[in-house]
């Protein structure tokens, strides 16, 4: 067993350095090399460089651990696995917007035990440790206490638009939006989940995500008191369906999805 507190210090230092690498590439957007993995799914040399740095640091410190990176794929290892999204919100990154983040989670036997999400443009570091507090720049954070769905501000996203199939979230948004206060869209699921964790959002939902999109953010949100499930209130649909709320409106949101899905 590794010492989680020591490993959290390692993770903190690593993700802050990774964020600065992203900032360095962002200063030269006009010459940045960009390729396309799929429709509306870009990968930049910044994504590759940030992930390469993170992977190298993990392999130096924990060579026996498994790694799952968005750009480099999966490598085998022991019961620990690092899950990496080097730049979550690449579209925002490419368009000079601040809504992107570096996301790193650590799992043990399939369960998250550490998570960190860093927003370089805002210098905000969200962290969580198993059985410990969730924090923002070292200060404890908690989900909102809003109980009225009509007063809730929710986050969502449209990862499903990358697919050739119809985007089911368009129907969901059309049904849900009139019944809540408003919707925000950051373009980074990791950020959205952390915004639920600190009470900026009362909830977040999205379809067709991947483990690296939610590994750290969902764990941070849960450690801050959030409820996380798929749209049926279970866990087996994650990450292709994710609903994260402050817990107080979770059942109300599930009823909305039951009506539209």
C-alpha atoms as a PDB file:
ATOM      1  CA  UNK A   1       0.000   0.000   0.000  1.00  0.00           C
ATOM      2  CA  UNK A   2       1.262   3.457  -0.836  1.00  0.00           C
ATOM      3  CA  UNK A   3       1.003   6.395   1.557  1.00  0.00           C
ATOM      4  CA  UNK A   4      -1.830   8.513   0.161  1.00  0.00           C
ATOM      5  CA  UNK A   5      -0.853  11.763   1.824  1.00  0.00           C
ATOM      6  CA  UNK A   6       2.681  11.569   0.441  1.00  0.00           C
ATOM      7  CA  UNK A   7       1.297  10.593  -2.962  1.00  0.00           C
ATOM      8  CA  UNK A   8      -1.099  13.536  -2.853  1.00  0.00           C
ATOM      9  CA  UNK A   9       1.879  15.879  -2.428  1.00  0.00           C
ATOM     10  CA  UNK A  10       3.498  14.221  -5.450  1.00  0.00           C
ATOM     11  CA  UNK A  11       0.273  14.603  -7.441  1.00  0.00           C
ATOM     12  CA  UNK A  12      -0.077  18.257  -6.450  1.00  0.00           C
ATOM     13  CA  UNK A  13       3.437  19.155  -7.566  1.00  0.00           C
ATOM     14  CA  UNK A  14       3.066  17.178 -10.793  1.00  0.00           C
ATOM     15  CA  UNK A  15      -0.266  18.667 -11.863  1.00  0.00           C
ATOM     16  CA  UNK A  16       0.867  22.234 -11.169  1.00  0.00           C
ATOM     17  CA  UNK A  17       3.913  21.684 -13.380  1.00  0.00           C
ATOM     18  CA  UNK A  18       1.720  20.073 -16.046  1.00  0.00           C
ATOM     19  CA  UNK A  19      -0.534  23.115 -15.977  1.00  0.00           C
ATOM     20  CA  UNK A  20       2.404  25.423 -16.594  1.00  0.00           C
ATOM     21  CA  UNK A  21       3.429  23.339 -19.599  1.00  0.00           C
ATOM     22  CA  UNK A  22      -0.088  23.860 -20.979  1.00  0.00           C
ATOM     23  CA  UNK A  23       0.177  27.606 -20.341  1.00  0.00           C
ATOM     24  CA  UNK A  24       3.463  27.699 -22.243  1.00  0.00           C
ATOM     25  CA  UNK A  25       1.889  26.109 -25.299  1.00  0.00           C
ATOM     26  CA  UNK A  26      -1.138  28.380 -25.031  1.00  0.00           C
ATOM     27  CA  UNK A  27       1.089  31.396 -25.567  1.00  0.00           C
ATOM     28  CA  UNK A  28       1.834  30.162 -29.082  1.00  0.00           C
ATOM     29  CA  UNK A  29      -1.623  29.119 -30.273  1.00  0.00           C
ATOM     30  CA  UNK A  30      -1.081  30.516 -33.764  1.00  0.00           C
ATOM     31  CA  UNK A  31       1.694  28.015 -34.483  1.00  0.00           C
ATOM     32  CA  UNK A  32       0.355  25.077 -32.461  1.00  0.00           C
ATOM     33  CA  UNK A  33       0.134  21.800 -34.360  1.00  0.00           C
ATOM     34  CA  UNK A  34      -3.404  20.386 -34.276  1.00  0.00           C
ATOM     35  CA  UNK A  35      -4.679  17.056 -35.585  1.00  0.00           C
ATOM     36  CA  UNK A  36      -8.118  15.476 -35.485  1.00  0.00           C
ATOM     37  CA  UNK A  37      -8.921  12.170 -33.762  1.00  0.00           C
ATOM     38  CA  UNK A  38     -12.576  12.250 -34.798  1.00  0.00           C
ATOM     39  CA  UNK A  39     -15.269  14.728 -35.785  1.00  0.00           C
ATOM     40  CA  UNK A  40     -15.031  17.770 -33.470  1.00  0.00           C
ATOM     41  CA  UNK A  41     -12.359  15.987 -31.440  1.00  0.00           C
ATOM     42  CA  UNK A  42      -9.003  17.744 -31.782  1.00  0.00           C
ATOM     43  CA  UNK A  43      -5.663  16.826 -30.249  1.00  0.00           C
ATOM     44  CA  UNK A  44      -2.836  19.350 -30.047  1.00  0.00           C
ATOM     45  CA  UNK A  45       0.878  19.033 -29.447  1.00  0.00           C
ATOM     46  CA  UNK A  46       0.111  20.589 -26.057  1.00  0.00           C
ATOM     47  CA  UNK A  47      -2.142  17.634 -25.118  1.00  0.00           C
ATOM     48  CA  UNK A  48       0.607  15.219 -26.102  1.00  0.00           C
ATOM     49  CA  UNK A  49       3.383  17.126 -24.312  1.00  0.00           C
ATOM     50  CA  UNK A  50       1.411  17.522 -21.077  1.00  0.00           C
ATOM     51  CA  UNK A  51       0.473  13.847 -20.983  1.00  0.00           C
ATOM     52  CA  UNK A  52       4.032  12.794 -21.810  1.00  0.00           C
ATOM     53  CA  UNK A  53       5.309  14.800 -18.845  1.00  0.00           C
ATOM     54  CA  UNK A  54       2.726  13.320 -16.475  1.00  0.00           C
ATOM     55  CA  UNK A  55       3.360   9.754 -17.614  1.00  0.00           C
ATOM     56  CA  UNK A  56       7.117  10.190 -17.257  1.00  0.00           C
ATOM     57  CA  UNK A  57       6.744  11.508 -13.709  1.00  0.00           C
ATOM     58  CA  UNK A  58       4.478   8.628 -12.692  1.00  0.00           C
ATOM     59  CA  UNK A  59       6.787   6.014 -14.200  1.00  0.00           C
ATOM     60  CA  UNK A  60       9.759   7.472 -12.343  1.00  0.00           C
ATOM     61  CA  UNK A  61       7.924   7.428  -9.009  1.00  0.00           C
ATOM     62  CA  UNK A  62       5.617   4.426  -9.427  1.00  0.00           C
ATOM     63  CA  UNK A  63       6.935   2.223 -12.266  1.00  0.00           C
ATOM     64  CA  UNK A  64       4.667  -0.653 -11.212  1.00  0.00           C
ATOM     65  CA  UNK A  65       1.422   1.349 -11.530  1.00  0.00           C
ATOM     66  CA  UNK A  66      -0.971   1.103 -14.479  1.00  0.00           C
ATOM     67  CA  UNK A  67      -1.699   4.247 -16.494  1.00  0.00           C
ATOM     68  CA  UNK A  68      -4.674   5.246 -18.628  1.00  0.00           C
ATOM     69  CA  UNK A  69      -4.087   8.433 -20.595  1.00  0.00           C
ATOM     70  CA  UNK A  70      -6.440  10.012 -23.104  1.00  0.00           C
ATOM     71  CA  UNK A  71      -3.701  10.333 -25.707  1.00  0.00           C
ATOM     72  CA  UNK A  72      -1.373   7.413 -24.913  1.00  0.00           C
ATOM     73  CA  UNK A  73      -3.957   4.787 -23.997  1.00  0.00           C
ATOM     74  CA  UNK A  74      -3.648   2.105 -21.330  1.00  0.00           C
ATOM     75  CA  UNK A  75      -0.624   0.336 -19.892  1.00  0.00           C
ATOM     76  CA  UNK A  76      -0.797  -2.625 -17.525  1.00  0.00           C
ATOM     77  CA  UNK A  77       0.388  -2.521 -13.945  1.00  0.00           C
ATOM     78  CA  UNK A  78      -0.579  -3.483 -10.420  1.00  0.00           C
ATOM     79  CA  UNK A  79      -3.756  -2.614  -8.509  1.00  0.00           C
ATOM     80  CA  UNK A  80      -3.109   1.127  -8.788  1.00  0.00           C
ATOM     81  CA  UNK A  81      -4.080   3.019 -11.941  1.00  0.00           C
ATOM     82  CA  UNK A  82      -3.541   6.667 -12.855  1.00  0.00           C
ATOM     83  CA  UNK A  83      -6.211   8.169 -15.130  1.00  0.00           C
ATOM     84  CA  UNK A  84      -5.100  11.249 -17.064  1.00  0.00           C
ATOM     85  CA  UNK A  85      -6.773  13.913 -19.180  1.00  0.00           C
ATOM     86  CA  UNK A  86      -3.911  16.249 -20.093  1.00  0.00           C
ATOM     87  CA  UNK A  87      -6.111  19.074 -21.355  1.00  0.00           C
ATOM     88  CA  UNK A  88      -9.815  18.652 -20.710  1.00  0.00           C
ATOM     89  CA  UNK A  89     -11.479  21.323 -22.793  1.00  0.00           C
ATOM     90  CA  UNK A  90      -9.201  21.370 -25.826  1.00  0.00           C
ATOM     91  CA  UNK A  91     -11.703  23.430 -27.838  1.00  0.00           C
ATOM     92  CA  UNK A  92     -11.650  26.164 -25.181  1.00  0.00           C
ATOM     93  CA  UNK A  93      -7.861  25.912 -25.073  1.00  0.00           C
ATOM     94  CA  UNK A  94      -7.597  26.388 -28.843  1.00  0.00           C
ATOM     95  CA  UNK A  95      -9.962  29.365 -28.824  1.00  0.00           C
ATOM     96  CA  UNK A  96      -8.107  31.290 -26.129  1.00  0.00           C
ATOM     97  CA  UNK A  97     -10.791  30.704 -23.507  1.00  0.00           C
ATOM     98  CA  UNK A  98     -10.001  29.952 -19.837  1.00  0.00           C
ATOM     99  CA  UNK A  99     -12.253  26.891 -19.519  1.00  0.00           C
ATOM    100  CA  UNK A 100      -9.757  24.053 -19.708  1.00  0.00           C
ATOM    101  CA  UNK A 101      -8.080  21.934 -17.069  1.00  0.00           C
ATOM    102  CA  UNK A 102      -5.573  19.200 -16.340  1.00  0.00           C
ATOM    103  CA  UNK A 103      -7.228  16.202 -14.673  1.00  0.00           C
ATOM    104  CA  UNK A 104      -5.467  13.328 -12.876  1.00  0.00           C
ATOM    105  CA  UNK A 105      -7.085  10.601 -10.793  1.00  0.00           C
ATOM    106  CA  UNK A 106      -5.591   7.651  -8.945  1.00  0.00           C
ATOM    107  CA  UNK A 107      -7.575   4.433  -8.490  1.00  0.00           C
ATOM    108  CA  UNK A 108      -6.895   1.445  -6.250  1.00  0.00           C
ATOM    109  CA  UNK A 109      -8.616  -1.796  -7.222  1.00  0.00           C
ATOM    110  CA  UNK A 110     -10.962   0.177  -9.451  1.00  0.00           C
ATOM    111  CA  UNK A 111     -11.963   2.778  -6.858  1.00  0.00           C
ATOM    112  CA  UNK A 112     -10.761   6.381  -6.808  1.00  0.00           C
ATOM    113  CA  UNK A 113      -8.511   7.297  -3.873  1.00  0.00           C
ATOM    114  CA  UNK A 114      -6.940  10.565  -5.064  1.00  0.00           C
ATOM    115  CA  UNK A 115      -7.955  13.240  -7.527  1.00  0.00           C
ATOM    116  CA  UNK A 116      -6.742  16.620  -8.708  1.00  0.00           C
ATOM    117  CA  UNK A 117      -8.054  19.046 -11.318  1.00  0.00           C
ATOM    118  CA  UNK A 118      -6.041  22.172 -12.087  1.00  0.00           C
ATOM    119  CA  UNK A 119      -7.317  25.194 -14.027  1.00  0.00           C
ATOM    120  CA  UNK A 120      -4.146  27.050 -15.053  1.00  0.00           C
ATOM    121  CA  UNK A 121      -5.908  30.127 -16.434  1.00  0.00           C
ATOM    122  CA  UNK A 122      -7.570  30.769 -13.068  1.00  0.00           C
ATOM    123  CA  UNK A 123      -4.877  29.213 -10.890  1.00  0.00           C
ATOM    124  CA  UNK A 124      -7.451  26.999  -9.190  1.00  0.00           C
ATOM    125  CA  UNK A 125      -6.413  23.596  -7.887  1.00  0.00           C
ATOM    126  CA  UNK A 126      -9.171  21.218  -6.804  1.00  0.00           C
ATOM    127  CA  UNK A 127      -8.047  18.176  -4.800  1.00  0.00           C
ATOM    128  CA  UNK A 128      -9.497  15.265  -2.845  1.00  0.00           C
ATOM    129  CA  UNK A 129      -8.164  12.302  -0.909  1.00  0.00           C
ATOM    130  CA  UNK A 130      -9.977   9.150   0.219  1.00  0.00           C
ATOM    131  CA  UNK A 131     -11.852   9.796   3.470  1.00  0.00           C
ATOM    132  CA  UNK A 132     -10.521  13.319   3.487  1.00  0.00           C
ATOM    133  CA  UNK A 133     -11.821  16.733   2.520  1.00  0.00           C
ATOM    134  CA  UNK A 134     -12.182  18.109  -0.959  1.00  0.00           C
ATOM    135  CA  UNK A 135     -10.336  21.399  -1.308  1.00  0.00           C
ATOM    136  CA  UNK A 136      -9.876  24.381  -3.599  1.00  0.00           C
ATOM    137  CA  UNK A 137      -6.442  25.935  -3.242  1.00  0.00           C
ATOM    138  CA  UNK A 138      -6.149  24.274   0.154  1.00  0.00           C
ATOM    139  CA  UNK A 139      -9.504  25.403   1.531  1.00  0.00           C
ATOM    140  CA  UNK A 140     -12.278  22.872   2.195  1.00  0.00           C
ATOM    141  CA  UNK A 141     -15.199  22.986  -0.233  1.00  0.00           C
ATOM    142  CA  UNK A 142     -18.753  21.645  -0.096  1.00  0.00           C
ATOM    143  CA  UNK A 143     -21.677  21.237  -2.460  1.00  0.00           C
ATOM    144  CA  UNK A 144     -24.529  23.737  -2.470  1.00  0.00           C
ATOM    145  CA  UNK A 145     -27.552  23.429  -0.196  1.00  0.00           C
ATOM    146  CA  UNK A 146     -30.147  24.330  -2.846  1.00  0.00           C
ATOM    147  CA  UNK A 147     -33.251  22.136  -2.559  1.00  0.00           C
ATOM    148  CA  UNK A 148     -35.526  23.746  -5.149  1.00  0.00           C
ATOM    149  CA  UNK A 149     -34.938  22.467  -8.676  1.00  0.00           C
ATOM    150  CA  UNK A 150     -36.417  25.658 -10.104  1.00  0.00           C
ATOM    151  CA  UNK A 151     -33.588  27.634  -8.468  1.00  0.00           C
ATOM    152  CA  UNK A 152     -30.764  25.362  -9.600  1.00  0.00           C
ATOM    153  CA  UNK A 153     -27.972  26.330 -11.969  1.00  0.00           C
ATOM    154  CA  UNK A 154     -26.781  23.214 -13.784  1.00  0.00           C
ATOM    155  CA  UNK A 155     -23.828  22.428 -15.987  1.00  0.00           C
ATOM    156  CA  UNK A 156     -23.940  20.192 -19.031  1.00  0.00           C
ATOM    157  CA  UNK A 157     -21.927  19.371 -22.126  1.00  0.00           C
ATOM    158  CA  UNK A 158     -22.215  17.887 -25.578  1.00  0.00           C
ATOM    159  CA  UNK A 159     -19.536  15.271 -25.996  1.00  0.00           C
ATOM    160  CA  UNK A 160     -22.201  13.309 -27.867  1.00  0.00           C
ATOM    161  CA  UNK A 161     -22.061  15.824 -30.721  1.00  0.00           C
ATOM    162  CA  UNK A 162     -18.779  14.216 -31.789  1.00  0.00           C
ATOM    163  CA  UNK A 163     -20.687  11.071 -32.685  1.00  0.00           C
ATOM    164  CA  UNK A 164     -22.533  10.448 -35.925  1.00  0.00           C
ATOM    165  CA  UNK A 165     -25.640   9.398 -33.974  1.00  0.00           C
ATOM    166  CA  UNK A 166     -28.256  11.857 -32.786  1.00  0.00           C
ATOM    167  CA  UNK A 167     -27.306  13.668 -29.592  1.00  0.00           C
ATOM    168  CA  UNK A 168     -29.761  12.554 -26.910  1.00  0.00           C
ATOM    169  CA  UNK A 169     -28.686  15.451 -24.710  1.00  0.00           C
ATOM    170  CA  UNK A 170     -30.410  17.928 -27.010  1.00  0.00           C
ATOM    171  CA  UNK A 171     -33.756  16.382 -26.080  1.00  0.00           C
ATOM    172  CA  UNK A 172     -32.778  16.308 -22.408  1.00  0.00           C
ATOM    173  CA  UNK A 173     -31.724  19.951 -22.435  1.00  0.00           C
ATOM    174  CA  UNK A 174     -34.944  20.970 -24.143  1.00  0.00           C
ATOM    175  CA  UNK A 175     -36.964  19.208 -21.424  1.00  0.00           C
ATOM    176  CA  UNK A 176     -34.884  20.152 -18.392  1.00  0.00           C
ATOM    177  CA  UNK A 177     -34.022  23.795 -19.069  1.00  0.00           C
ATOM    178  CA  UNK A 178     -37.541  25.212 -18.490  1.00  0.00           C
ATOM    179  CA  UNK A 179     -37.655  23.454 -15.105  1.00  0.00           C
ATOM    180  CA  UNK A 180     -34.424  24.856 -13.648  1.00  0.00           C
ATOM    181  CA  UNK A 181     -33.011  28.335 -13.224  1.00  0.00           C
ATOM    182  CA  UNK A 182     -30.305  28.177 -15.881  1.00  0.00           C
ATOM    183  CA  UNK A 183     -27.575  26.127 -17.565  1.00  0.00           C
ATOM    184  CA  UNK A 184     -23.864  26.786 -17.954  1.00  0.00           C
ATOM    185  CA  UNK A 185     -21.468  25.070 -20.360  1.00  0.00           C
ATOM    186  CA  UNK A 186     -17.734  25.201 -19.663  1.00  0.00           C
ATOM    187  CA  UNK A 187     -16.618  22.553 -22.152  1.00  0.00           C
ATOM    188  CA  UNK A 188     -14.594  20.665 -19.551  1.00  0.00           C
ATOM    189  CA  UNK A 189     -16.400  17.931 -17.634  1.00  0.00           C
ATOM    190  CA  UNK A 190     -13.621  17.926 -15.041  1.00  0.00           C
ATOM    191  CA  UNK A 191     -14.251  21.606 -14.356  1.00  0.00           C
ATOM    192  CA  UNK A 192     -18.024  21.139 -14.328  1.00  0.00           C
ATOM    193  CA  UNK A 193     -17.761  18.400 -11.696  1.00  0.00           C
ATOM    194  CA  UNK A 194     -15.459  20.527  -9.562  1.00  0.00           C
ATOM    195  CA  UNK A 195     -17.926  23.407  -9.840  1.00  0.00           C
ATOM    196  CA  UNK A 196     -20.561  21.122  -8.358  1.00  0.00           C
ATOM    197  CA  UNK A 197     -18.071  20.244  -5.617  1.00  0.00           C
ATOM    198  CA  UNK A 198     -17.600  23.876  -4.596  1.00  0.00           C
ATOM    199  CA  UNK A 199     -21.239  24.941  -5.008  1.00  0.00           C
ATOM    200  CA  UNK A 200     -20.896  27.042  -8.162  1.00  0.00           C
ATOM    201  CA  UNK A 201     -23.210  24.559  -9.893  1.00  0.00           C
ATOM    202  CA  UNK A 202     -26.021  22.680  -8.186  1.00  0.00           C
ATOM    203  CA  UNK A 203     -25.569  19.802 -10.600  1.00  0.00           C
ATOM    204  CA  UNK A 204     -24.085  18.575 -13.861  1.00  0.00           C
ATOM    205  CA  UNK A 205     -25.020  15.969 -16.440  1.00  0.00           C
ATOM    206  CA  UNK A 206     -23.550  14.696 -19.686  1.00  0.00           C
ATOM    207  CA  UNK A 207     -23.548  11.719 -22.053  1.00  0.00           C
ATOM    208  CA  UNK A 208     -20.827   9.763 -23.845  1.00  0.00           C
ATOM    209  CA  UNK A 209     -17.871  10.658 -21.660  1.00  0.00           C
ATOM    210  CA  UNK A 210     -14.807   8.528 -20.976  1.00  0.00           C
ATOM    211  CA  UNK A 211     -13.134   7.485 -17.709  1.00  0.00           C
ATOM    212  CA  UNK A 212     -10.424  10.133 -18.034  1.00  0.00           C
ATOM    213  CA  UNK A 213     -13.106  12.853 -18.326  1.00  0.00           C
ATOM    214  CA  UNK A 214     -14.624  12.134 -14.913  1.00  0.00           C
ATOM    215  CA  UNK A 215     -12.159  10.102 -12.842  1.00  0.00           C
ATOM    216  CA  UNK A 216     -10.755  12.987 -10.792  1.00  0.00           C
ATOM    217  CA  UNK A 217     -13.701  15.395 -10.986  1.00  0.00           C
ATOM    218  CA  UNK A 218     -16.378  12.927  -9.907  1.00  0.00           C
ATOM    219  CA  UNK A 219     -14.228  11.800  -6.981  1.00  0.00           C
ATOM    220  CA  UNK A 220     -13.626  15.379  -5.862  1.00  0.00           C
ATOM    221  CA  UNK A 221     -17.353  16.104  -6.102  1.00  0.00           C
ATOM    222  CA  UNK A 222     -18.267  13.037  -4.041  1.00  0.00           C
ATOM    223  CA  UNK A 223     -15.731  13.928  -1.363  1.00  0.00           C
ATOM    224  CA  UNK A 224     -17.399  17.363  -1.218  1.00  0.00           C
ATOM    225  CA  UNK A 225     -20.805  15.752  -0.596  1.00  0.00           C
ATOM    226  CA  UNK A 226     -22.150  15.277  -4.117  1.00  0.00           C
ATOM    227  CA  UNK A 227     -24.262  12.389  -5.368  1.00  0.00           C
ATOM    228  CA  UNK A 228     -22.975  10.747  -8.555  1.00  0.00           C
ATOM    229  CA  UNK A 229     -24.855   8.207 -10.668  1.00  0.00           C
ATOM    230  CA  UNK A 230     -26.015   7.430 -14.172  1.00  0.00           C
ATOM    231  CA  UNK A 231     -29.427   8.660 -15.324  1.00  0.00           C
ATOM    232  CA  UNK A 232     -31.125   5.672 -13.657  1.00  0.00           C
ATOM    233  CA  UNK A 233     -29.613   6.388 -10.267  1.00  0.00           C
ATOM    234  CA  UNK A 234     -27.111   3.546 -10.585  1.00  0.00           C
ATOM    235  CA  UNK A 235     -23.373   3.335 -11.248  1.00  0.00           C
ATOM    236  CA  UNK A 236     -23.154   0.789 -14.055  1.00  0.00           C
ATOM    237  CA  UNK A 237     -23.905   3.389 -16.751  1.00  0.00           C
ATOM    238  CA  UNK A 238     -20.865   5.534 -15.869  1.00  0.00           C
ATOM    239  CA  UNK A 239     -19.122   7.239 -17.619  1.00  0.00           C
ATOM    240  CA  UNK A 240     -21.364   7.108 -20.695  1.00  0.00           C
ATOM    241  CA  UNK A 241     -24.049   8.681 -18.532  1.00  0.00           C
ATOM    242  CA  UNK A 242     -23.238  10.867 -15.552  1.00  0.00           C
ATOM    243  CA  UNK A 243     -25.452  12.880 -13.246  1.00  0.00           C
ATOM    244  CA  UNK A 244     -23.719  14.719 -10.411  1.00  0.00           C
ATOM    245  CA  UNK A 245     -25.727  16.898  -8.031  1.00  0.00           C
ATOM    246  CA  UNK A 246     -25.597  18.364  -4.544  1.00  0.00           C
ATOM    247  CA  UNK A 247     -27.647  15.340  -3.458  1.00  0.00           C
ATOM    248  CA  UNK A 248     -30.665  17.404  -2.475  1.00  0.00           C
ATOM    249  CA  UNK A 249     -32.051  17.547  -6.028  1.00  0.00           C
ATOM    250  CA  UNK A 250     -30.718  14.225  -7.278  1.00  0.00           C
ATOM    251  CA  UNK A 251     -34.038  12.377  -7.145  1.00  0.00           C
ATOM    252  CA  UNK A 252     -35.792  15.289  -8.879  1.00  0.00           C
ATOM    253  CA  UNK A 253     -33.263  15.221 -11.712  1.00  0.00           C
ATOM    254  CA  UNK A 254     -33.614  11.449 -12.050  1.00  0.00           C
ATOM    255  CA  UNK A 255     -37.361  11.913 -12.509  1.00  0.00           C
ATOM    256  CA  UNK A 256     -36.724  14.370 -15.352  1.00  0.00           C
ATOM    257  CA  UNK A 257     -34.448  11.911 -17.124  1.00  0.00           C
ATOM    258  CA  UNK A 258     -36.958   9.120 -16.593  1.00  0.00           C
ATOM    259  CA  UNK A 259     -39.536  11.235 -18.381  1.00  0.00           C
ATOM    260  CA  UNK A 260     -37.383  12.072 -21.399  1.00  0.00           C
ATOM    261  CA  UNK A 261     -35.122   9.072 -21.977  1.00  0.00           C
END
